[in-house]
Amino acid sequence: MLKPLGDRIIISVTEEEEQTASGFVLPSASKEKSQTGEVIAVGDGRTLDNGTKLPVSLSVGQTVMFEKYTGQEVKYDGQEFLIVHEKDIVAIVE
């Protein structure tokens, strides 16, 4: 599995299926990507200037919302993931 470094977080982006009023399913390529996903892995945290390690405040399994145009898309073992910094996470979905 992938292990992010520093304050990075690996997210499995939620694929949201969208339907029209008449019941047609819109293909994912015709709409923007979701801004929510499940946390798959978290890094050890950010190292501050004084050498102290500030741990990541998220944990694996949480559903989060992230900024729209952020992160690095990667493909690993046939699956697509998004790697973002902790500062790019805007909310935890409960």
PDB file of N, CA and C in Angstrom:
ATOM      1  N   MET A   1       0.838  -1.188   0.000  1.00  0.00           N
ATOM      2  CA  MET A   1       0.000   0.000   0.000  1.00  0.00           C
ATOM      3  C   MET A   1       0.879   1.245   0.000  1.00  0.00           C
ATOM      4  N   LEU A   2       0.286   2.343  -0.354  1.00  0.00           N
ATOM      5  CA  LEU A   2       0.992   3.612  -0.383  1.00  0.00           C
ATOM      6  C   LEU A   2       1.069   4.209   1.014  1.00  0.00           C
ATOM      7  N   LYS A   3       2.192   4.829   1.336  1.00  0.00           N
ATOM      8  CA  LYS A   3       2.389   5.511   2.622  1.00  0.00           C
ATOM      9  C   LYS A   3       2.793   6.949   2.317  1.00  0.00           C
ATOM     10  N   PRO A   4       1.910   7.916   2.610  1.00  0.00           N
ATOM     11  CA  PRO A   4       2.250   9.315   2.330  1.00  0.00           C
ATOM     12  C   PRO A   4       3.299   9.850   3.297  1.00  0.00           C
ATOM     13  N   LEU A   5       4.056  10.827   2.839  1.00  0.00           N
ATOM     14  CA  LEU A   5       5.088  11.451   3.658  1.00  0.00           C
ATOM     15  C   LEU A   5       4.591  12.774   4.235  1.00  0.00           C
ATOM     16  N   GLY A   6       5.146  13.155   5.373  1.00  0.00           N
ATOM     17  CA  GLY A   6       4.835  14.445   5.984  1.00  0.00           C
ATOM     18  C   GLY A   6       3.369  14.585   6.328  1.00  0.00           C
ATOM     19  N   ASP A   7       2.795  15.734   5.944  1.00  0.00           N
ATOM     20  CA  ASP A   7       1.395  16.001   6.263  1.00  0.00           C
ATOM     21  C   ASP A   7       0.467  15.671   5.093  1.00  0.00           C
ATOM     22  N   ARG A   8       0.904  14.780   4.234  1.00  0.00           N
ATOM     23  CA  ARG A   8       0.083  14.399   3.083  1.00  0.00           C
ATOM     24  C   ARG A   8      -0.920  13.316   3.468  1.00  0.00           C
ATOM     25  N   ILE A   9      -2.020  13.286   2.722  1.00  0.00           N
ATOM     26  CA  ILE A   9      -3.110  12.354   2.968  1.00  0.00           C
ATOM     27  C   ILE A   9      -3.502  11.736   1.636  1.00  0.00           C
ATOM     28  N   ILE A  10      -3.734  10.432   1.629  1.00  0.00           N
ATOM     29  CA  ILE A  10      -4.191   9.747   0.422  1.00  0.00           C
ATOM     30  C   ILE A  10      -5.693   9.533   0.543  1.00  0.00           C
ATOM     31  N   ILE A  11      -6.419   9.964  -0.494  1.00  0.00           N
ATOM     32  CA  ILE A  11      -7.880   9.913  -0.494  1.00  0.00           C
ATOM     33  C   ILE A  11      -8.367   9.092  -1.678  1.00  0.00           C
ATOM     34  N   SER A  12      -9.359   8.246  -1.419  1.00  0.00           N
ATOM     35  CA  SER A  12     -10.086   7.568  -2.481  1.00  0.00           C
ATOM     36  C   SER A  12     -11.302   8.435  -2.770  1.00  0.00           C
ATOM     37  N   VAL A  13     -11.320   9.078  -3.931  1.00  0.00           N
ATOM     38  CA  VAL A  13     -12.370  10.045  -4.259  1.00  0.00           C
ATOM     39  C   VAL A  13     -13.682   9.311  -4.498  1.00  0.00           C
ATOM     40  N   THR A  14     -14.758   9.836  -3.920  1.00  0.00           N
ATOM     41  CA  THR A  14     -16.086   9.260  -4.051  1.00  0.00           C
ATOM     42  C   THR A  14     -16.605   9.500  -5.457  1.00  0.00           C
ATOM     43  N   GLU A  15     -17.048   8.440  -6.095  1.00  0.00           N
ATOM     44  CA  GLU A  15     -17.659   8.560  -7.423  1.00  0.00           C
ATOM     45  C   GLU A  15     -19.149   8.746  -7.230  1.00  0.00           C
ATOM     46  N   GLU A  16     -19.637   9.932  -7.548  1.00  0.00           N
ATOM     47  CA  GLU A  16     -21.053  10.229  -7.387  1.00  0.00           C
ATOM     48  C   GLU A  16     -21.754  10.068  -8.723  1.00  0.00           C
ATOM     49  N   GLU A  17     -22.789   9.238  -8.734  1.00  0.00           N
ATOM     50  CA  GLU A  17     -23.564   9.023  -9.946  1.00  0.00           C
ATOM     51  C   GLU A  17     -24.652  10.082 -10.007  1.00  0.00           C
ATOM     52  N   GLU A  18     -24.775  10.733 -11.140  1.00  0.00           N
ATOM     53  CA  GLU A  18     -25.753  11.800 -11.282  1.00  0.00           C
ATOM     54  C   GLU A  18     -26.786  11.395 -12.313  1.00  0.00           C
ATOM     55  N   GLN A  19     -28.053  11.622 -11.982  1.00  0.00           N
ATOM     56  CA  GLN A  19     -29.139  11.294 -12.897  1.00  0.00           C
ATOM     57  C   GLN A  19     -29.906  12.555 -13.255  1.00  0.00           C
ATOM     58  N   THR A  20     -30.435  12.548 -14.482  1.00  0.00           N
ATOM     59  CA  THR A  20     -31.294  13.644 -14.899  1.00  0.00           C
ATOM     60  C   THR A  20     -32.695  13.387 -14.352  1.00  0.00           C
ATOM     61  N   ALA A  21     -33.584  14.361 -14.504  1.00  0.00           N
ATOM     62  CA  ALA A  21     -34.958  14.219 -14.020  1.00  0.00           C
ATOM     63  C   ALA A  21     -35.675  13.056 -14.704  1.00  0.00           C
ATOM     64  N   SER A  22     -35.293  12.752 -15.932  1.00  0.00           N
ATOM     65  CA  SER A  22     -35.945  11.655 -16.657  1.00  0.00           C
ATOM     66  C   SER A  22     -35.299  10.304 -16.386  1.00  0.00           C
ATOM     67  N   GLY A  23     -34.262  10.275 -15.537  1.00  0.00           N
ATOM     68  CA  GLY A  23     -33.666   8.998 -15.136  1.00  0.00           C
ATOM     69  C   GLY A  23     -32.403   8.598 -15.871  1.00  0.00           C
ATOM     70  N   PHE A  24     -31.922   9.430 -16.792  1.00  0.00           N
ATOM     71  CA  PHE A  24     -30.683   9.111 -17.497  1.00  0.00           C
ATOM     72  C   PHE A  24     -29.495   9.325 -16.566  1.00  0.00           C
ATOM     73  N   VAL A  25     -28.560   8.370 -16.558  1.00  0.00           N
ATOM     74  CA  VAL A  25     -27.348   8.486 -15.746  1.00  0.00           C
ATOM     75  C   VAL A  25     -26.304   9.213 -16.565  1.00  0.00           C
ATOM     76  N   LEU A  26     -25.767  10.305 -15.995  1.00  0.00           N
ATOM     77  CA  LEU A  26     -24.736  11.066 -16.688  1.00  0.00           C
ATOM     78  C   LEU A  26     -23.381  10.413 -16.469  1.00  0.00           C
ATOM     79  N   PRO A  27     -22.591  10.238 -17.512  1.00  0.00           N
ATOM     80  CA  PRO A  27     -21.252   9.663 -17.331  1.00  0.00           C
ATOM     81  C   PRO A  27     -20.369  10.600 -16.533  1.00  0.00           C
ATOM     82  N   SER A  28     -19.441  10.008 -15.769  1.00  0.00           N
ATOM     83  CA  SER A  28     -18.582  10.813 -14.898  1.00  0.00           C
ATOM     84  C   SER A  28     -17.701  11.773 -15.679  1.00  0.00           C
ATOM     85  N   ALA A  29     -17.406  11.465 -16.926  1.00  0.00           N
ATOM     86  CA  ALA A  29     -16.542  12.332 -17.731  1.00  0.00           C
ATOM     87  C   ALA A  29     -17.231  13.649 -18.078  1.00  0.00           C
ATOM     88  N   SER A  30     -18.563  13.696 -17.998  1.00  0.00           N
ATOM     89  CA  SER A  30     -19.282  14.904 -18.398  1.00  0.00           C
ATOM     90  C   SER A  30     -19.512  15.876 -17.250  1.00  0.00           C
ATOM     91  N   LYS A  31     -19.019  15.560 -16.068  1.00  0.00           N
ATOM     92  CA  LYS A  31     -19.221  16.454 -14.934  1.00  0.00           C
ATOM     93  C   LYS A  31     -17.936  16.582 -14.132  1.00  0.00           C
ATOM     94  N   GLU A  32     -17.925  17.531 -13.217  1.00  0.00           N
ATOM     95  CA  GLU A  32     -16.737  17.740 -12.401  1.00  0.00           C
ATOM     96  C   GLU A  32     -16.587  16.619 -11.379  1.00  0.00           C
ATOM     97  N   LYS A  33     -15.353  16.398 -10.951  1.00  0.00           N
ATOM     98  CA  LYS A  33     -15.085  15.373  -9.941  1.00  0.00           C
ATOM     99  C   LYS A  33     -15.656  15.786  -8.593  1.00  0.00           C
ATOM    100  N   SER A  34     -15.972  14.779  -7.817  1.00  0.00           N
ATOM    101  CA  SER A  34     -16.474  15.012  -6.471  1.00  0.00           C
ATOM    102  C   SER A  34     -15.407  15.675  -5.615  1.00  0.00           C
ATOM    103  N   GLN A  35     -15.829  16.364  -4.596  1.00  0.00           N
ATOM    104  CA  GLN A  35     -14.906  16.989  -3.664  1.00  0.00           C
ATOM    105  C   GLN A  35     -14.938  16.266  -2.327  1.00  0.00           C
ATOM    106  N   THR A  36     -15.434  15.032  -2.312  1.00  0.00           N
ATOM    107  CA  THR A  36     -15.433  14.236  -1.090  1.00  0.00           C
ATOM    108  C   THR A  36     -14.739  12.910  -1.355  1.00  0.00           C
ATOM    109  N   GLY A  37     -14.230  12.320  -0.284  1.00  0.00           N
ATOM    110  CA  GLY A  37     -13.579  11.029  -0.424  1.00  0.00           C
ATOM    111  C   GLY A  37     -13.249  10.444   0.931  1.00  0.00           C
ATOM    112  N   GLU A  38     -12.784   9.204   0.894  1.00  0.00           N
ATOM    113  CA  GLU A  38     -12.423   8.489   2.121  1.00  0.00           C
ATOM    114  C   GLU A  38     -10.912   8.507   2.300  1.00  0.00           C
ATOM    115  N   VAL A  39     -10.483   8.790   3.524  1.00  0.00           N
ATOM    116  CA  VAL A  39      -9.062   8.799   3.838  1.00  0.00           C
ATOM    117  C   VAL A  39      -8.563   7.363   3.843  1.00  0.00           C
ATOM    118  N   ILE A  40      -7.554   7.077   3.011  1.00  0.00           N
ATOM    119  CA  ILE A  40      -6.988   5.738   2.883  1.00  0.00           C
ATOM    120  C   ILE A  40      -5.711   5.609   3.711  1.00  0.00           C
ATOM    121  N   ALA A  41      -4.919   6.681   3.766  1.00  0.00           N
ATOM    122  CA  ALA A  41      -3.660   6.663   4.526  1.00  0.00           C
ATOM    123  C   ALA A  41      -3.272   8.087   4.883  1.00  0.00           C
ATOM    124  N   VAL A  42      -2.570   8.236   6.005  1.00  0.00           N
ATOM    125  CA  VAL A  42      -2.094   9.553   6.438  1.00  0.00           C
ATOM    126  C   VAL A  42      -0.600   9.483   6.736  1.00  0.00           C
ATOM    127  N   GLY A  43       0.079  10.599   6.517  1.00  0.00           N
ATOM    128  CA  GLY A  43       1.505  10.681   6.816  1.00  0.00           C
ATOM    129  C   GLY A  43       1.745  10.862   8.305  1.00  0.00           C
ATOM    130  N   ASP A  44       3.018  10.930   8.673  1.00  0.00           N
ATOM    131  CA  ASP A  44       3.403  11.078  10.079  1.00  0.00           C
ATOM    132  C   ASP A  44       3.131  12.468  10.628  1.00  0.00           C
ATOM    133  N   GLY A  45       3.042  13.470   9.775  1.00  0.00           N
ATOM    134  CA  GLY A  45       2.805  14.831  10.219  1.00  0.00           C
ATOM    135  C   GLY A  45       3.866  15.774   9.697  1.00  0.00           C
ATOM    136  N   ARG A  46       3.632  17.048   9.956  1.00  0.00           N
ATOM    137  CA  ARG A  46       4.531  18.094   9.473  1.00  0.00           C
ATOM    138  C   ARG A  46       5.577  18.402  10.539  1.00  0.00           C
ATOM    139  N   THR A  47       6.817  18.566  10.097  1.00  0.00           N
ATOM    140  CA  THR A  47       7.891  18.950  11.018  1.00  0.00           C
ATOM    141  C   THR A  47       7.978  20.471  11.056  1.00  0.00           C
ATOM    142  N   LEU A  48       7.815  21.028  12.251  1.00  0.00           N
ATOM    143  CA  LEU A  48       7.879  22.479  12.434  1.00  0.00           C
ATOM    144  C   LEU A  48       9.325  22.957  12.390  1.00  0.00           C
ATOM    145  N   ASP A  49       9.521  24.263  12.290  1.00  0.00           N
ATOM    146  CA  ASP A  49      10.855  24.850  12.208  1.00  0.00           C
ATOM    147  C   ASP A  49      11.728  24.500  13.412  1.00  0.00           C
ATOM    148  N   ASN A  50      11.104  24.306  14.574  1.00  0.00           N
ATOM    149  CA  ASN A  50      11.879  23.975  15.776  1.00  0.00           C
ATOM    150  C   ASN A  50      12.154  22.473  15.913  1.00  0.00           C
ATOM    151  N   GLY A  51      11.757  21.685  14.904  1.00  0.00           N
ATOM    152  CA  GLY A  51      12.026  20.249  14.914  1.00  0.00           C
ATOM    153  C   GLY A  51      10.912  19.400  15.495  1.00  0.00           C
ATOM    154  N   THR A  52       9.892  20.024  16.070  1.00  0.00           N
ATOM    155  CA  THR A  52       8.758  19.300  16.645  1.00  0.00           C
ATOM    156  C   THR A  52       7.873  18.746  15.524  1.00  0.00           C
ATOM    157  N   LYS A  53       7.386  17.541  15.705  1.00  0.00           N
ATOM    158  CA  LYS A  53       6.503  16.915  14.720  1.00  0.00           C
ATOM    159  C   LYS A  53       5.055  17.206  15.099  1.00  0.00           C
ATOM    160  N   LEU A  54       4.283  17.822  14.181  1.00  0.00           N
ATOM    161  CA  LEU A  54       2.870  18.103  14.384  1.00  0.00           C
ATOM    162  C   LEU A  54       2.075  17.017  13.665  1.00  0.00           C
ATOM    163  N   PRO A  55       1.452  16.092  14.409  1.00  0.00           N
ATOM    164  CA  PRO A  55       0.768  14.960  13.768  1.00  0.00           C
ATOM    165  C   PRO A  55      -0.451  15.404  12.959  1.00  0.00           C
ATOM    166  N   VAL A  56      -0.805  14.608  11.968  1.00  0.00           N
ATOM    167  CA  VAL A  56      -1.981  14.860  11.142  1.00  0.00           C
ATOM    168  C   VAL A  56      -3.218  14.619  11.997  1.00  0.00           C
ATOM    169  N   SER A  57      -4.216  15.490  11.877  1.00  0.00           N
ATOM    170  CA  SER A  57      -5.406  15.407  12.723  1.00  0.00           C
ATOM    171  C   SER A  57      -6.513  14.522  12.151  1.00  0.00           C
ATOM    172  N   LEU A  58      -6.243  13.834  11.055  1.00  0.00           N
ATOM    173  CA  LEU A  58      -7.227  12.937  10.440  1.00  0.00           C
ATOM    174  C   LEU A  58      -6.809  11.489  10.651  1.00  0.00           C
ATOM    175  N   SER A  59      -7.771  10.589  10.482  1.00  0.00           N
ATOM    176  CA  SER A  59      -7.449   9.172  10.601  1.00  0.00           C
ATOM    177  C   SER A  59      -8.062   8.395   9.439  1.00  0.00           C
ATOM    178  N   VAL A  60      -7.516   7.235   9.183  1.00  0.00           N
ATOM    179  CA  VAL A  60      -7.968   6.368   8.100  1.00  0.00           C
ATOM    180  C   VAL A  60      -9.438   6.022   8.307  1.00  0.00           C
ATOM    181  N   GLY A  61     -10.205   6.065   7.222  1.00  0.00           N
ATOM    182  CA  GLY A  61     -11.617   5.711   7.268  1.00  0.00           C
ATOM    183  C   GLY A  61     -12.554   6.899   7.329  1.00  0.00           C
ATOM    184  N   GLN A  62     -12.047   8.076   7.667  1.00  0.00           N
ATOM    185  CA  GLN A  62     -12.900   9.248   7.732  1.00  0.00           C
ATOM    186  C   GLN A  62     -13.262   9.712   6.327  1.00  0.00           C
ATOM    187  N   THR A  63     -14.457  10.280   6.189  1.00  0.00           N
ATOM    188  CA  THR A  63     -14.881  10.892   4.935  1.00  0.00           C
ATOM    189  C   THR A  63     -14.629  12.385   5.054  1.00  0.00           C
ATOM    190  N   VAL A  64     -13.957  12.949   4.051  1.00  0.00           N
ATOM    191  CA  VAL A  64     -13.566  14.353   4.096  1.00  0.00           C
ATOM    192  C   VAL A  64     -13.981  15.089   2.832  1.00  0.00           C
ATOM    193  N   MET A  65     -14.062  16.405   2.961  1.00  0.00           N
ATOM    194  CA  MET A  65     -14.248  17.287   1.812  1.00  0.00           C
ATOM    195  C   MET A  65     -12.934  18.030   1.601  1.00  0.00           C
ATOM    196  N   PHE A  66     -12.552  18.211   0.345  1.00  0.00           N
ATOM    197  CA  PHE A  66     -11.290  18.870   0.042  1.00  0.00           C
ATOM    198  C   PHE A  66     -11.499  19.947  -1.002  1.00  0.00           C
ATOM    199  N   GLU A  67     -10.515  20.841  -1.106  1.00  0.00           N
ATOM    200  CA  GLU A  67     -10.595  21.939  -2.065  1.00  0.00           C
ATOM    201  C   GLU A  67     -10.683  21.395  -3.489  1.00  0.00           C
ATOM    202  N   LYS A  68     -11.344  22.151  -4.344  1.00  0.00           N
ATOM    203  CA  LYS A  68     -11.686  21.693  -5.690  1.00  0.00           C
ATOM    204  C   LYS A  68     -10.486  21.333  -6.575  1.00  0.00           C
ATOM    205  N   TYR A  69      -9.557  22.212  -6.746  1.00  0.00           N
ATOM    206  CA  TYR A  69      -8.452  21.967  -7.679  1.00  0.00           C
ATOM    207  C   TYR A  69      -7.157  21.769  -6.902  1.00  0.00           C
ATOM    208  N   THR A  70      -7.078  20.689  -6.166  1.00  0.00           N
ATOM    209  CA  THR A  70      -5.928  20.459  -5.312  1.00  0.00           C
ATOM    210  C   THR A  70      -5.419  19.038  -5.464  1.00  0.00           C
ATOM    211  N   GLY A  71      -4.213  18.834  -5.027  1.00  0.00           N
ATOM    212  CA  GLY A  71      -3.677  17.484  -4.935  1.00  0.00           C
ATOM    213  C   GLY A  71      -3.074  16.938  -6.210  1.00  0.00           C
ATOM    214  N   GLN A  72      -2.534  15.748  -6.051  1.00  0.00           N
ATOM    215  CA  GLN A  72      -1.886  15.023  -7.143  1.00  0.00           C
ATOM    216  C   GLN A  72      -2.641  13.719  -7.359  1.00  0.00           C
ATOM    217  N   GLU A  73      -3.174  13.536  -8.554  1.00  0.00           N
ATOM    218  CA  GLU A  73      -3.867  12.291  -8.867  1.00  0.00           C
ATOM    219  C   GLU A  73      -2.834  11.231  -9.199  1.00  0.00           C
ATOM    220  N   VAL A  74      -2.985  10.050  -8.594  1.00  0.00           N
ATOM    221  CA  VAL A  74      -2.075   8.943  -8.866  1.00  0.00           C
ATOM    222  C   VAL A  74      -2.888   7.675  -9.089  1.00  0.00           C
ATOM    223  N   LYS A  75      -2.299   6.767  -9.839  1.00  0.00           N
ATOM    224  CA  LYS A  75      -2.909   5.467 -10.070  1.00  0.00           C
ATOM    225  C   LYS A  75      -1.962   4.425  -9.494  1.00  0.00           C
ATOM    226  N   TYR A  76      -2.488   3.561  -8.630  1.00  0.00           N
ATOM    227  CA  TYR A  76      -1.670   2.540  -7.982  1.00  0.00           C
ATOM    228  C   TYR A  76      -2.475   1.259  -7.885  1.00  0.00           C
ATOM    229  N   ASP A  77      -1.916   0.176  -8.346  1.00  0.00           N
ATOM    230  CA  ASP A  77      -2.544  -1.137  -8.260  1.00  0.00           C
ATOM    231  C   ASP A  77      -3.954  -1.138  -8.870  1.00  0.00           C
ATOM    232  N   GLY A  78      -4.114  -0.405  -9.983  1.00  0.00           N
ATOM    233  CA  GLY A  78      -5.387  -0.374 -10.694  1.00  0.00           C
ATOM    234  C   GLY A  78      -6.435   0.563 -10.113  1.00  0.00           C
ATOM    235  N   GLN A  79      -6.105   1.289  -9.055  1.00  0.00           N
ATOM    236  CA  GLN A  79      -7.048   2.218  -8.436  1.00  0.00           C
ATOM    237  C   GLN A  79      -6.512   3.639  -8.528  1.00  0.00           C
ATOM    238  N   GLU A  80      -7.432   4.605  -8.555  1.00  0.00           N
ATOM    239  CA  GLU A  80      -7.033   6.010  -8.606  1.00  0.00           C
ATOM    240  C   GLU A  80      -7.182   6.643  -7.231  1.00  0.00           C
ATOM    241  N   PHE A  81      -6.184   7.431  -6.851  1.00  0.00           N
ATOM    242  CA  PHE A  81      -6.165   8.112  -5.565  1.00  0.00           C
ATOM    243  C   PHE A  81      -5.795   9.566  -5.766  1.00  0.00           C
ATOM    244  N   LEU A  82      -6.067  10.361  -4.745  1.00  0.00           N
ATOM    245  CA  LEU A  82      -5.680  11.759  -4.727  1.00  0.00           C
ATOM    246  C   LEU A  82      -4.810  11.971  -3.497  1.00  0.00           C
ATOM    247  N   ILE A  83      -3.630  12.570  -3.693  1.00  0.00           N
ATOM    248  CA  ILE A  83      -2.737  12.873  -2.576  1.00  0.00           C
ATOM    249  C   ILE A  83      -2.789  14.375  -2.341  1.00  0.00           C
ATOM    250  N   VAL A  84      -3.184  14.769  -1.123  1.00  0.00           N
ATOM    251  CA  VAL A  84      -3.313  16.186  -0.774  1.00  0.00           C
ATOM    252  C   VAL A  84      -2.574  16.475   0.524  1.00  0.00           C
ATOM    253  N   HIS A  85      -2.286  17.747   0.757  1.00  0.00           N
ATOM    254  CA  HIS A  85      -1.740  18.176   2.037  1.00  0.00           C
ATOM    255  C   HIS A  85      -2.907  18.347   3.017  1.00  0.00           C
ATOM    256  N   GLU A  86      -2.617  18.217   4.294  1.00  0.00           N
ATOM    257  CA  GLU A  86      -3.660  18.355   5.301  1.00  0.00           C
ATOM    258  C   GLU A  86      -4.373  19.703   5.198  1.00  0.00           C
ATOM    259  N   LYS A  87      -3.661  20.751   4.833  1.00  0.00           N
ATOM    260  CA  LYS A  87      -4.261  22.090   4.738  1.00  0.00           C
ATOM    261  C   LYS A  87      -5.316  22.194   3.631  1.00  0.00           C
ATOM    262  N   ASP A  88      -5.315  21.227   2.691  1.00  0.00           N
ATOM    263  CA  ASP A  88      -6.290  21.232   1.600  1.00  0.00           C
ATOM    264  C   ASP A  88      -7.611  20.573   1.989  1.00  0.00           C
ATOM    265  N   ILE A  89      -7.663  19.947   3.163  1.00  0.00           N
ATOM    266  CA  ILE A  89      -8.902  19.353   3.661  1.00  0.00           C
ATOM    267  C   ILE A  89      -9.704  20.462   4.324  1.00  0.00           C
ATOM    268  N   VAL A  90     -10.967  20.618   3.904  1.00  0.00           N
ATOM    269  CA  VAL A  90     -11.771  21.714   4.438  1.00  0.00           C
ATOM    270  C   VAL A  90     -12.798  21.253   5.476  1.00  0.00           C
ATOM    271  N   ALA A  91     -13.157  19.959   5.494  1.00  0.00           N
ATOM    272  CA  ALA A  91     -14.145  19.493   6.460  1.00  0.00           C
ATOM    273  C   ALA A  91     -14.115  17.975   6.573  1.00  0.00           C
ATOM    274  N   ILE A  92     -14.579  17.499   7.716  1.00  0.00           N
ATOM    275  CA  ILE A  92     -14.807  16.070   7.943  1.00  0.00           C
ATOM    276  C   ILE A  92     -16.311  15.851   7.863  1.00  0.00           C
ATOM    277  N   VAL A  93     -16.742  14.877   7.080  1.00  0.00           N
ATOM    278  CA  VAL A  93     -18.163  14.567   6.943  1.00  0.00           C
ATOM    279  C   VAL A  93     -18.521  13.538   8.014  1.00  0.00           C
ATOM    280  N   GLU A  94     -19.472  13.897   8.876  1.00  0.00           N
ATOM    281  CA  GLU A  94     -19.882  12.986   9.947  1.00  0.00           C
ATOM    282  C   GLU A  94     -21.255  12.437   9.714  1.00  0.00           C
TER     283      GLU A  94
END
